[in-house]
Amino acid sequence: MTIAVDFDGTIVENRYPEIGEERPFATETLRMLISERYKIILWTVREGRHLEEAIAWCRERGIEFYAVNKDYPEEKMENNNHYSRKIKADMFIDDRNIGGLPGWGEIYRMIHEKKSYEDIIAERQHTSFSDKNSKRKKHWWNF
């Protein structure tokens, strides 16, 4: 599976052109996905020096991308009649999703367990509902 991941606002807090603080568990999750043989493409509007800084930042944290802003490592604009900035990925992780960016733990579960965000939310609601019911109020006659 190929997953395209945005940088600013997704892996790090959005402070473009600077690099913001890492979003909790972002690099840890990406390293786990890479170790599980997912192809991770860095998909960002960054170019030139700003792009190189983002790649270096990720590399320092153990993240080596399958490709950067292209479908596969060898892709070249001049050799591809159908070159497009639109990445051909199975999944996109981006802070501009409708509904925002889930936490990286939830993202990992959706990918690894093949669950939808709706499934994760339903589980969370079911768990919190069950927890409320399991903590029944004690009556005055129970010690």
C-alpha atoms as a PDB file:
ATOM      1  CA  MET A   1       0.000   0.000   0.000  1.00  0.00           C
ATOM      2  CA  THR A   2       1.225   3.472  -0.852  1.00  0.00           C
ATOM      3  CA  ILE A   3       0.486   6.299   1.567  1.00  0.00           C
ATOM      4  CA  ALA A   4       1.049   9.983   0.771  1.00  0.00           C
ATOM      5  CA  VAL A   5       1.778  12.109   3.847  1.00  0.00           C
ATOM      6  CA  ASP A   6       1.780  15.890   4.098  1.00  0.00           C
ATOM      7  CA  PHE A   7       4.474  17.598   6.181  1.00  0.00           C
ATOM      8  CA  ASP A   8       3.318  20.974   7.564  1.00  0.00           C
ATOM      9  CA  GLY A   9       0.355  20.576   9.895  1.00  0.00           C
ATOM     10  CA  THR A  10       0.532  16.782   9.635  1.00  0.00           C
ATOM     11  CA  ILE A  11       3.964  15.498  10.668  1.00  0.00           C
ATOM     12  CA  VAL A  12       4.809  18.810  12.351  1.00  0.00           C
ATOM     13  CA  GLU A  13       2.736  21.745  13.531  1.00  0.00           C
ATOM     14  CA  ASN A  14       2.219  24.244  10.721  1.00  0.00           C
ATOM     15  CA  ARG A  15       4.888  26.953  11.067  1.00  0.00           C
ATOM     16  CA  TYR A  16       5.801  27.177   7.365  1.00  0.00           C
ATOM     17  CA  PRO A  17       8.387  28.185   6.207  1.00  0.00           C
ATOM     18  CA  GLU A  18       9.954  27.162   9.532  1.00  0.00           C
ATOM     19  CA  ILE A  19       9.564  23.607  10.784  1.00  0.00           C
ATOM     20  CA  GLY A  20       7.107  23.365  13.659  1.00  0.00           C
ATOM     21  CA  GLU A  21       7.171  20.999  16.618  1.00  0.00           C
ATOM     22  CA  GLU A  22       6.539  17.350  15.847  1.00  0.00           C
ATOM     23  CA  ARG A  23       2.911  16.278  16.189  1.00  0.00           C
ATOM     24  CA  PRO A  24       2.669  13.618  18.915  1.00  0.00           C
ATOM     25  CA  PHE A  25       3.678  10.145  17.676  1.00  0.00           C
ATOM     26  CA  ALA A  26       4.010  11.243  14.028  1.00  0.00           C
ATOM     27  CA  THR A  27       7.557  10.030  13.380  1.00  0.00           C
ATOM     28  CA  GLU A  28       7.127   6.943  15.554  1.00  0.00           C
ATOM     29  CA  THR A  29       4.029   5.960  13.574  1.00  0.00           C
ATOM     30  CA  LEU A  30       5.720   6.600  10.232  1.00  0.00           C
ATOM     31  CA  ARG A  31       8.741   4.481  11.247  1.00  0.00           C
ATOM     32  CA  MET A  32       6.386   1.640  12.234  1.00  0.00           C
ATOM     33  CA  LEU A  33       4.525   1.850   8.911  1.00  0.00           C
ATOM     34  CA  ILE A  34       7.800   1.869   6.959  1.00  0.00           C
ATOM     35  CA  SER A  35       9.022  -1.169   8.932  1.00  0.00           C
ATOM     36  CA  GLU A  36       5.757  -2.916   7.991  1.00  0.00           C
ATOM     37  CA  ARG A  37       6.629  -2.306   4.310  1.00  0.00           C
ATOM     38  CA  TYR A  38       4.179   0.488   3.530  1.00  0.00           C
ATOM     39  CA  LYS A  39       5.485   2.861   0.844  1.00  0.00           C
ATOM     40  CA  ILE A  40       5.413   6.340   2.350  1.00  0.00           C
ATOM     41  CA  ILE A  41       5.552   9.312  -0.020  1.00  0.00           C
ATOM     42  CA  LEU A  42       6.238  12.776   1.349  1.00  0.00           C
ATOM     43  CA  TRP A  43       3.606  14.910  -0.377  1.00  0.00           C
ATOM     44  CA  THR A  44       4.101  18.592   0.352  1.00  0.00           C
ATOM     45  CA  VAL A  45       4.016  22.037  -1.243  1.00  0.00           C
ATOM     46  CA  ARG A  46       7.551  22.629   0.023  1.00  0.00           C
ATOM     47  CA  GLU A  47      10.147  23.130  -2.685  1.00  0.00           C
ATOM     48  CA  GLY A  48      13.852  23.896  -2.912  1.00  0.00           C
ATOM     49  CA  ARG A  49      15.632  24.653   0.364  1.00  0.00           C
ATOM     50  CA  HIS A  50      12.440  24.331   2.435  1.00  0.00           C
ATOM     51  CA  LEU A  51      11.796  20.870   0.998  1.00  0.00           C
ATOM     52  CA  GLU A  52      15.388  19.788   1.674  1.00  0.00           C
ATOM     53  CA  GLU A  53      15.056  21.006   5.288  1.00  0.00           C
ATOM     54  CA  ALA A  54      11.887  18.930   5.758  1.00  0.00           C
ATOM     55  CA  ILE A  55      13.516  15.814   4.259  1.00  0.00           C
ATOM     56  CA  ALA A  56      16.589  16.292   6.492  1.00  0.00           C
ATOM     57  CA  TRP A  57      14.372  16.809   9.560  1.00  0.00           C
ATOM     58  CA  CYS A  58      12.594  13.516   8.844  1.00  0.00           C
ATOM     59  CA  ARG A  59      15.833  11.677   8.046  1.00  0.00           C
ATOM     60  CA  GLU A  60      17.301  12.783  11.410  1.00  0.00           C
ATOM     61  CA  ARG A  61      14.333  11.030  13.025  1.00  0.00           C
ATOM     62  CA  GLY A  62      14.774   7.803  11.073  1.00  0.00           C
ATOM     63  CA  ILE A  63      12.257   8.394   8.299  1.00  0.00           C
ATOM     64  CA  GLU A  64      13.340   7.600   4.747  1.00  0.00           C
ATOM     65  CA  PHE A  65      10.558   8.191   2.252  1.00  0.00           C
ATOM     66  CA  TYR A  66       9.857   5.901  -0.692  1.00  0.00           C
ATOM     67  CA  ALA A  67       9.523   9.042  -2.844  1.00  0.00           C
ATOM     68  CA  VAL A  68       9.107  12.792  -2.408  1.00  0.00           C
ATOM     69  CA  ASN A  69       6.413  14.657  -4.357  1.00  0.00           C
ATOM     70  CA  LYS A  70       6.283  11.932  -7.006  1.00  0.00           C
ATOM     71  CA  ASP A  71       4.789   8.478  -7.474  1.00  0.00           C
ATOM     72  CA  TYR A  72       8.042   6.517  -7.410  1.00  0.00           C
ATOM     73  CA  PRO A  73      11.702   7.385  -6.769  1.00  0.00           C
ATOM     74  CA  GLU A  74      12.845   7.272 -10.422  1.00  0.00           C
ATOM     75  CA  GLU A  75       9.997   9.384 -11.801  1.00  0.00           C
ATOM     76  CA  LYS A  76      11.205  12.370 -13.835  1.00  0.00           C
ATOM     77  CA  MET A  77       9.015  15.010 -15.439  1.00  0.00           C
ATOM     78  CA  GLU A  78      10.891  14.852 -18.744  1.00  0.00           C
ATOM     79  CA  ASN A  79      10.512  11.034 -18.977  1.00  0.00           C
ATOM     80  CA  ASN A  80       6.818  10.897 -18.148  1.00  0.00           C
ATOM     81  CA  ASN A  81       4.215  12.154 -20.623  1.00  0.00           C
ATOM     82  CA  HIS A  82       1.570  11.896 -17.910  1.00  0.00           C
ATOM     83  CA  TYR A  83       3.501  13.602 -15.085  1.00  0.00           C
ATOM     84  CA  SER A  84       1.190  15.226 -12.568  1.00  0.00           C
ATOM     85  CA  ARG A  85       1.702  16.720  -9.120  1.00  0.00           C
ATOM     86  CA  LYS A  86      -1.294  14.630  -8.094  1.00  0.00           C
ATOM     87  CA  ILE A  87       0.225  11.618  -6.365  1.00  0.00           C
ATOM     88  CA  LYS A  88      -1.188   8.185  -7.088  1.00  0.00           C
ATOM     89  CA  ALA A  89      -1.515   6.794  -3.576  1.00  0.00           C
ATOM     90  CA  ASP A  90      -3.913   4.417  -1.880  1.00  0.00           C
ATOM     91  CA  MET A  91      -4.302   6.729   1.089  1.00  0.00           C
ATOM     92  CA  PHE A  92      -3.552  10.361   1.971  1.00  0.00           C
ATOM     93  CA  ILE A  93      -2.733  11.661   5.446  1.00  0.00           C
ATOM     94  CA  ASP A  94      -3.210  15.428   5.549  1.00  0.00           C
ATOM     95  CA  ASP A  95      -4.269  17.985   8.149  1.00  0.00           C
ATOM     96  CA  ARG A  96      -6.671  19.450   5.587  1.00  0.00           C
ATOM     97  CA  ASN A  97      -8.959  16.403   5.661  1.00  0.00           C
ATOM     98  CA  ILE A  98     -12.616  17.117   6.143  1.00  0.00           C
ATOM     99  CA  GLY A  99     -12.994  16.844   9.882  1.00  0.00           C
ATOM    100  CA  GLY A 100      -9.300  17.522  10.511  1.00  0.00           C
ATOM    101  CA  LEU A 101      -6.406  15.219  11.266  1.00  0.00           C
ATOM    102  CA  PRO A 102      -7.040  12.289  13.607  1.00  0.00           C
ATOM    103  CA  GLY A 103      -4.350  11.547  16.181  1.00  0.00           C
ATOM    104  CA  TRP A 104      -1.414   9.479  14.910  1.00  0.00           C
ATOM    105  CA  GLY A 105      -2.452   6.551  17.123  1.00  0.00           C
ATOM    106  CA  GLU A 106      -5.845   6.528  15.429  1.00  0.00           C
ATOM    107  CA  ILE A 107      -4.185   6.856  12.016  1.00  0.00           C
ATOM    108  CA  TYR A 108      -2.021   3.830  12.742  1.00  0.00           C
ATOM    109  CA  ARG A 109      -5.049   1.776  13.831  1.00  0.00           C
ATOM    110  CA  MET A 110      -6.996   2.751  10.705  1.00  0.00           C
ATOM    111  CA  ILE A 111      -4.140   1.605   8.474  1.00  0.00           C
ATOM    112  CA  HIS A 112      -2.893  -1.393  10.432  1.00  0.00           C
ATOM    113  CA  GLU A 113      -6.321  -2.749  11.433  1.00  0.00           C
ATOM    114  CA  LYS A 114      -8.013  -1.630   8.184  1.00  0.00           C
ATOM    115  CA  LYS A 115     -10.639   0.375  10.053  1.00  0.00           C
ATOM    116  CA  SER A 116     -12.411   3.528   9.004  1.00  0.00           C
ATOM    117  CA  TYR A 117     -12.357   6.672  11.115  1.00  0.00           C
ATOM    118  CA  GLU A 118     -16.054   6.029  11.654  1.00  0.00           C
ATOM    119  CA  ASP A 119     -15.186   2.616  13.175  1.00  0.00           C
ATOM    120  CA  ILE A 120     -12.641   4.190  15.532  1.00  0.00           C
ATOM    121  CA  ILE A 121     -15.099   6.870  16.663  1.00  0.00           C
ATOM    122  CA  ALA A 122     -17.872   4.280  17.175  1.00  0.00           C
ATOM    123  CA  GLU A 123     -15.522   2.153  19.312  1.00  0.00           C
ATOM    124  CA  ARG A 124     -14.587   5.189  21.382  1.00  0.00           C
ATOM    125  CA  GLN A 125     -18.246   6.077  21.921  1.00  0.00           C
ATOM    126  CA  HIS A 126     -19.155   2.471  22.743  1.00  0.00           C
ATOM    127  CA  THR A 127     -16.305   2.235  25.257  1.00  0.00           C
ATOM    128  CA  SER A 128     -17.193   5.493  26.987  1.00  0.00           C
ATOM    129  CA  PHE A 129     -20.879   4.461  27.073  1.00  0.00           C
ATOM    130  CA  SER A 130     -19.959   1.060  28.555  1.00  0.00           C
ATOM    131  CA  ASP A 131     -17.695   2.692  31.136  1.00  0.00           C
ATOM    132  CA  LYS A 132     -20.507   4.969  32.278  1.00  0.00           C
ATOM    133  CA  ASN A 133     -22.897   2.045  32.648  1.00  0.00           C
ATOM    134  CA  SER A 134     -20.377  -0.110  34.533  1.00  0.00           C
ATOM    135  CA  LYS A 135     -19.926   2.540  37.237  1.00  0.00           C
ATOM    136  CA  ARG A 136     -23.379   2.255  38.698  1.00  0.00           C
ATOM    137  CA  LYS A 137     -24.324   4.465  41.527  1.00  0.00           C
ATOM    138  CA  LYS A 138     -24.249   2.807  44.941  1.00  0.00           C
ATOM    139  CA  HIS A 139     -27.422   2.919  46.912  1.00  0.00           C
ATOM    140  CA  TRP A 140     -27.451   4.063  50.543  1.00  0.00           C
ATOM    141  CA  TRP A 141     -27.971   0.451  51.715  1.00  0.00           C
ATOM    142  CA  ASN A 142     -24.817  -0.829  49.950  1.00  0.00           C
ATOM    143  CA  PHE A 143     -21.545  -0.285  51.832  1.00  0.00           C
END
